[in-house]
Amino acid sequence: MTRTQQGDQARALQEIPNVGPAMAGDLLRLGMTSRADLVGQDPDALYARLCAMDGVRHDPCVLDTFTAVVAFANGEPAQPWWVFSRQRTAREAVPVCRFCRLRYGRA
């Protein structure tokens, strides 16, 4: 792929709400070149793949952005990524035993 083609794909991805230059670059590295490529994707899987590719755990806001982008690609109305941050943190809010620090409801 030429630099021009990559630039065109990055610009097309940036037309998606919540996608700026850095996120467009991450999506391209994951093989996502258009909104159509994002339809039906699993945001958690995209996040896990990116973390594995880079050998680091990226900020969870990257996961929230993937969630917002995939939701939009699937036809949902555009929402800011931080809406999905609230949903993620609510899902992850599991009580912790103050004595043994184990999380209830987790295996």
N, C-alpha and C. Protein backbone atom coordinates (compact mmCIF):
# COMPACT_ATOMS: atom_id res chain seq x y z
N MET A 1 0.85 -1.17 0.00
CA MET A 1 0.00 0.00 0.00
C MET A 1 0.90 1.24 0.00
N THR A 2 0.53 2.19 -0.79
CA THR A 2 1.33 3.41 -0.89
C THR A 2 1.01 4.35 0.27
N ARG A 3 1.88 5.30 0.47
CA ARG A 3 1.64 6.31 1.52
C ARG A 3 0.38 7.11 1.24
N THR A 4 0.13 7.37 -0.03
CA THR A 4 -1.07 8.13 -0.41
C THR A 4 -2.32 7.34 -0.04
N GLN A 5 -2.32 6.04 -0.35
CA GLN A 5 -3.48 5.21 -0.01
C GLN A 5 -3.69 5.16 1.51
N GLN A 6 -2.59 5.01 2.25
CA GLN A 6 -2.69 4.98 3.70
C GLN A 6 -3.23 6.30 4.25
N GLY A 7 -2.76 7.40 3.67
CA GLY A 7 -3.26 8.71 4.09
C GLY A 7 -4.73 8.88 3.79
N ASP A 8 -5.17 8.38 2.62
CA ASP A 8 -6.59 8.45 2.27
C ASP A 8 -7.44 7.63 3.24
N GLN A 9 -6.94 6.45 3.59
CA GLN A 9 -7.68 5.59 4.53
C GLN A 9 -7.74 6.24 5.91
N ALA A 10 -6.63 6.82 6.34
CA ALA A 10 -6.61 7.50 7.65
C ALA A 10 -7.60 8.66 7.67
N ARG A 11 -7.64 9.43 6.60
CA ARG A 11 -8.60 10.55 6.53
C ARG A 11 -10.04 10.04 6.53
N ALA A 12 -10.29 8.94 5.83
CA ALA A 12 -11.64 8.37 5.82
C ALA A 12 -12.04 7.90 7.22
N LEU A 13 -11.11 7.27 7.93
CA LEU A 13 -11.41 6.83 9.29
C LEU A 13 -11.68 8.01 10.21
N GLN A 14 -11.00 9.12 9.98
CA GLN A 14 -11.18 10.30 10.82
C GLN A 14 -12.53 10.97 10.61
N GLU A 15 -13.27 10.55 9.61
CA GLU A 15 -14.64 11.04 9.43
C GLU A 15 -15.58 10.39 10.44
N ILE A 16 -15.13 9.29 11.06
CA ILE A 16 -15.93 8.60 12.08
C ILE A 16 -15.81 9.40 13.38
N PRO A 17 -16.93 9.66 14.05
CA PRO A 17 -16.84 10.37 15.33
C PRO A 17 -15.89 9.66 16.30
N ASN A 18 -15.12 10.43 17.04
CA ASN A 18 -14.16 9.97 18.05
C ASN A 18 -12.83 9.49 17.48
N VAL A 19 -12.67 9.52 16.17
CA VAL A 19 -11.42 9.05 15.57
C VAL A 19 -10.59 10.23 15.11
N GLY A 20 -9.44 10.39 15.76
CA GLY A 20 -8.46 11.40 15.36
C GLY A 20 -7.29 10.70 14.70
N PRO A 21 -6.22 11.43 14.46
CA PRO A 21 -5.07 10.84 13.77
C PRO A 21 -4.47 9.61 14.47
N ALA A 22 -4.31 9.67 15.79
CA ALA A 22 -3.71 8.53 16.50
C ALA A 22 -4.61 7.31 16.45
N MET A 23 -5.90 7.50 16.68
CA MET A 23 -6.83 6.37 16.65
C MET A 23 -6.92 5.80 15.24
N ALA A 24 -6.91 6.67 14.23
CA ALA A 24 -6.93 6.19 12.84
C ALA A 24 -5.71 5.32 12.58
N GLY A 25 -4.55 5.73 13.09
CA GLY A 25 -3.34 4.93 12.94
C GLY A 25 -3.46 3.57 13.60
N ASP A 26 -4.03 3.55 14.81
CA ASP A 26 -4.23 2.28 15.51
C ASP A 26 -5.19 1.37 14.73
N LEU A 27 -6.28 1.95 14.23
CA LEU A 27 -7.24 1.16 13.47
C LEU A 27 -6.61 0.59 12.20
N LEU A 28 -5.81 1.39 11.52
CA LEU A 28 -5.12 0.90 10.33
C LEU A 28 -4.19 -0.25 10.67
N ARG A 29 -3.46 -0.12 11.77
CA ARG A 29 -2.56 -1.20 12.18
C ARG A 29 -3.32 -2.48 12.48
N LEU A 30 -4.59 -2.35 12.90
CA LEU A 30 -5.42 -3.51 13.18
C LEU A 30 -6.13 -4.04 11.93
N GLY A 31 -5.86 -3.41 10.79
CA GLY A 31 -6.46 -3.87 9.54
C GLY A 31 -7.82 -3.27 9.23
N MET A 32 -8.23 -2.28 10.03
CA MET A 32 -9.51 -1.60 9.80
C MET A 32 -9.24 -0.39 8.91
N THR A 33 -9.75 -0.41 7.70
CA THR A 33 -9.47 0.67 6.76
C THR A 33 -10.68 1.54 6.45
N SER A 34 -11.86 1.13 6.95
CA SER A 34 -13.08 1.88 6.67
C SER A 34 -14.12 1.59 7.74
N ARG A 35 -15.16 2.39 7.74
CA ARG A 35 -16.28 2.16 8.67
C ARG A 35 -16.85 0.77 8.47
N ALA A 36 -16.94 0.32 7.24
CA ALA A 36 -17.50 -1.00 6.95
C ALA A 36 -16.69 -2.11 7.62
N ASP A 37 -15.38 -1.93 7.73
CA ASP A 37 -14.54 -2.94 8.39
C ASP A 37 -14.84 -3.06 9.87
N LEU A 38 -15.41 -2.01 10.46
CA LEU A 38 -15.68 -1.99 11.90
C LEU A 38 -17.02 -2.63 12.27
N VAL A 39 -17.89 -2.79 11.28
CA VAL A 39 -19.21 -3.37 11.54
C VAL A 39 -19.04 -4.78 12.10
N GLY A 40 -19.67 -5.02 13.24
CA GLY A 40 -19.65 -6.35 13.85
C GLY A 40 -18.38 -6.71 14.60
N GLN A 41 -17.43 -5.79 14.67
CA GLN A 41 -16.19 -6.07 15.39
C GLN A 41 -16.45 -6.09 16.90
N ASP A 42 -15.58 -6.78 17.62
CA ASP A 42 -15.63 -6.84 19.07
C ASP A 42 -14.62 -5.83 19.61
N PRO A 43 -15.06 -4.74 20.25
CA PRO A 43 -14.13 -3.73 20.76
C PRO A 43 -13.09 -4.31 21.73
N ASP A 44 -13.52 -5.26 22.56
CA ASP A 44 -12.59 -5.88 23.50
C ASP A 44 -11.48 -6.64 22.77
N ALA A 45 -11.85 -7.30 21.69
CA ALA A 45 -10.86 -8.04 20.90
C ALA A 45 -9.90 -7.08 20.19
N LEU A 46 -10.43 -5.98 19.67
CA LEU A 46 -9.56 -4.97 19.04
C LEU A 46 -8.56 -4.43 20.05
N TYR A 47 -9.06 -4.12 21.25
CA TYR A 47 -8.20 -3.59 22.31
C TYR A 47 -7.12 -4.61 22.70
N ALA A 48 -7.53 -5.85 22.88
CA ALA A 48 -6.57 -6.90 23.25
C ALA A 48 -5.51 -7.08 22.17
N ARG A 49 -5.92 -7.05 20.91
CA ARG A 49 -4.96 -7.18 19.81
C ARG A 49 -3.97 -6.02 19.79
N LEU A 50 -4.47 -4.80 19.99
CA LEU A 50 -3.58 -3.64 20.00
C LEU A 50 -2.58 -3.73 21.15
N CYS A 51 -3.06 -4.10 22.33
CA CYS A 51 -2.17 -4.25 23.49
C CYS A 51 -1.11 -5.31 23.21
N ALA A 52 -1.51 -6.42 22.61
CA ALA A 52 -0.56 -7.49 22.29
C ALA A 52 0.45 -7.04 21.24
N MET A 53 -0.02 -6.32 20.24
CA MET A 53 0.87 -5.83 19.18
C MET A 53 1.95 -4.91 19.75
N ASP A 54 1.56 -4.07 20.70
CA ASP A 54 2.47 -3.07 21.25
C ASP A 54 3.20 -3.55 22.50
N GLY A 55 2.76 -4.67 23.06
CA GLY A 55 3.41 -5.19 24.25
C GLY A 55 3.17 -4.36 25.50
N VAL A 56 2.08 -3.60 25.49
CA VAL A 56 1.72 -2.78 26.65
C VAL A 56 0.20 -2.82 26.84
N ARG A 57 -0.24 -2.50 28.04
CA ARG A 57 -1.67 -2.34 28.27
C ARG A 57 -1.98 -0.87 28.04
N HIS A 58 -2.72 -0.60 26.99
CA HIS A 58 -3.08 0.77 26.67
C HIS A 58 -4.10 1.30 27.67
N ASP A 59 -4.20 2.60 27.73
CA ASP A 59 -5.19 3.25 28.59
C ASP A 59 -6.57 2.69 28.25
N PRO A 60 -7.40 2.41 29.25
CA PRO A 60 -8.75 1.90 28.98
C PRO A 60 -9.60 2.83 28.12
N CYS A 61 -9.24 4.10 28.05
CA CYS A 61 -9.99 5.02 27.20
C CYS A 61 -9.88 4.62 25.72
N VAL A 62 -8.80 3.92 25.38
CA VAL A 62 -8.68 3.39 24.01
C VAL A 62 -9.78 2.36 23.78
N LEU A 63 -10.02 1.49 24.76
CA LEU A 63 -11.11 0.52 24.66
C LEU A 63 -12.44 1.24 24.52
N ASP A 64 -12.63 2.30 25.30
CA ASP A 64 -13.89 3.05 25.23
C ASP A 64 -14.08 3.68 23.86
N THR A 65 -12.99 4.15 23.27
CA THR A 65 -13.06 4.73 21.93
C THR A 65 -13.39 3.66 20.91
N PHE A 66 -12.76 2.49 21.02
CA PHE A 66 -13.11 1.38 20.12
C PHE A 66 -14.59 1.05 20.25
N THR A 67 -15.10 1.05 21.48
CA THR A 67 -16.51 0.73 21.70
C THR A 67 -17.42 1.76 21.03
N ALA A 68 -17.07 3.04 21.17
CA ALA A 68 -17.85 4.11 20.54
C ALA A 68 -17.82 4.00 19.02
N VAL A 69 -16.66 3.70 18.48
CA VAL A 69 -16.48 3.63 17.04
C VAL A 69 -17.24 2.44 16.45
N VAL A 70 -17.15 1.29 17.11
CA VAL A 70 -17.86 0.10 16.62
C VAL A 70 -19.37 0.30 16.74
N ALA A 71 -19.82 0.90 17.84
CA ALA A 71 -21.25 1.17 17.99
C ALA A 71 -21.75 2.06 16.86
N PHE A 72 -21.00 3.09 16.53
CA PHE A 72 -21.38 3.98 15.42
C PHE A 72 -21.38 3.22 14.09
N ALA A 73 -20.37 2.40 13.88
CA ALA A 73 -20.31 1.62 12.63
C ALA A 73 -21.49 0.67 12.52
N ASN A 74 -21.98 0.19 13.67
CA ASN A 74 -23.12 -0.73 13.68
C ASN A 74 -24.46 -0.01 13.58
N GLY A 75 -24.43 1.31 13.40
CA GLY A 75 -25.66 2.05 13.17
C GLY A 75 -26.21 2.80 14.35
N GLU A 76 -25.53 2.74 15.48
CA GLU A 76 -26.00 3.50 16.64
C GLU A 76 -25.66 4.98 16.45
N PRO A 77 -26.39 5.86 17.14
CA PRO A 77 -26.06 7.28 17.02
C PRO A 77 -24.67 7.56 17.59
N ALA A 78 -24.02 8.55 17.04
CA ALA A 78 -22.69 8.93 17.52
C ALA A 78 -22.79 9.42 18.96
N GLN A 79 -21.88 8.92 19.79
CA GLN A 79 -21.79 9.35 21.19
C GLN A 79 -20.32 9.56 21.53
N PRO A 80 -20.02 10.49 22.42
CA PRO A 80 -18.62 10.66 22.82
C PRO A 80 -18.10 9.40 23.51
N TRP A 81 -16.82 9.15 23.37
CA TRP A 81 -16.24 7.92 23.93
C TRP A 81 -16.41 7.84 25.43
N TRP A 82 -16.48 8.97 26.14
CA TRP A 82 -16.57 8.92 27.59
C TRP A 82 -17.91 8.40 28.07
N VAL A 83 -18.93 8.38 27.22
CA VAL A 83 -20.19 7.72 27.57
C VAL A 83 -19.92 6.24 27.80
N PHE A 84 -19.07 5.68 26.95
CA PHE A 84 -18.73 4.27 27.06
C PHE A 84 -17.78 4.02 28.23
N SER A 85 -17.02 5.04 28.64
CA SER A 85 -16.18 4.92 29.85
C SER A 85 -17.06 4.69 31.06
N ARG A 86 -18.13 5.46 31.16
CA ARG A 86 -19.05 5.31 32.29
C ARG A 86 -19.66 3.92 32.31
N GLN A 87 -20.05 3.43 31.12
CA GLN A 87 -20.64 2.10 31.04
C GLN A 87 -19.61 1.03 31.45
N ARG A 88 -18.37 1.18 30.99
CA ARG A 88 -17.33 0.21 31.32
C ARG A 88 -17.04 0.21 32.81
N THR A 89 -16.88 1.37 33.39
CA THR A 89 -16.55 1.42 34.82
C THR A 89 -17.71 0.91 35.66
N ALA A 90 -18.95 1.12 35.22
CA ALA A 90 -20.10 0.58 35.94
C ALA A 90 -20.09 -0.95 35.88
N ARG A 91 -19.74 -1.50 34.71
CA ARG A 91 -19.65 -2.96 34.55
C ARG A 91 -18.55 -3.54 35.44
N GLU A 92 -17.46 -2.80 35.54
CA GLU A 92 -16.31 -3.29 36.30
C GLU A 92 -16.45 -3.06 37.80
N ALA A 93 -17.44 -2.28 38.21
CA ALA A 93 -17.61 -1.97 39.63
C ALA A 93 -18.16 -3.19 40.35
N VAL A 94 -17.24 -3.99 40.84
CA VAL A 94 -17.60 -5.20 41.57
C VAL A 94 -17.11 -5.01 43.00
N PRO A 95 -17.96 -5.29 43.98
CA PRO A 95 -17.53 -5.10 45.36
C PRO A 95 -16.28 -5.92 45.69
N VAL A 96 -15.43 -5.34 46.53
CA VAL A 96 -14.20 -6.00 46.94
C VAL A 96 -14.29 -6.29 48.44
N CYS A 97 -13.93 -7.52 48.82
CA CYS A 97 -13.90 -7.90 50.23
C CYS A 97 -12.79 -7.10 50.92
N ARG A 98 -13.13 -6.36 51.95
CA ARG A 98 -12.13 -5.51 52.59
C ARG A 98 -11.10 -6.30 53.39
N PHE A 99 -11.39 -7.58 53.67
CA PHE A 99 -10.45 -8.39 54.43
C PHE A 99 -9.44 -9.11 53.53
N CYS A 100 -9.94 -9.69 52.46
CA CYS A 100 -9.03 -10.50 51.63
C CYS A 100 -8.76 -9.87 50.27
N ARG A 101 -9.42 -8.76 49.96
CA ARG A 101 -9.24 -8.01 48.70
C ARG A 101 -9.65 -8.82 47.47
N LEU A 102 -10.46 -9.89 47.65
CA LEU A 102 -10.98 -10.63 46.51
C LEU A 102 -12.24 -9.96 46.01
N ARG A 103 -12.42 -10.00 44.71
CA ARG A 103 -13.62 -9.39 44.13
C ARG A 103 -14.76 -10.39 44.14
N TYR A 104 -15.90 -9.95 44.60
CA TYR A 104 -17.10 -10.78 44.58
C TYR A 104 -17.57 -10.90 43.14
N GLY A 105 -18.15 -12.02 42.82
CA GLY A 105 -18.75 -12.20 41.50
C GLY A 105 -17.75 -12.48 40.40
N ARG A 106 -16.52 -12.66 40.72
CA ARG A 106 -15.51 -12.99 39.71
C ARG A 106 -14.92 -14.35 40.02
N ALA A 107 -14.64 -15.10 39.01
CA ALA A 107 -14.04 -16.42 39.21
C ALA A 107 -12.56 -16.29 39.50
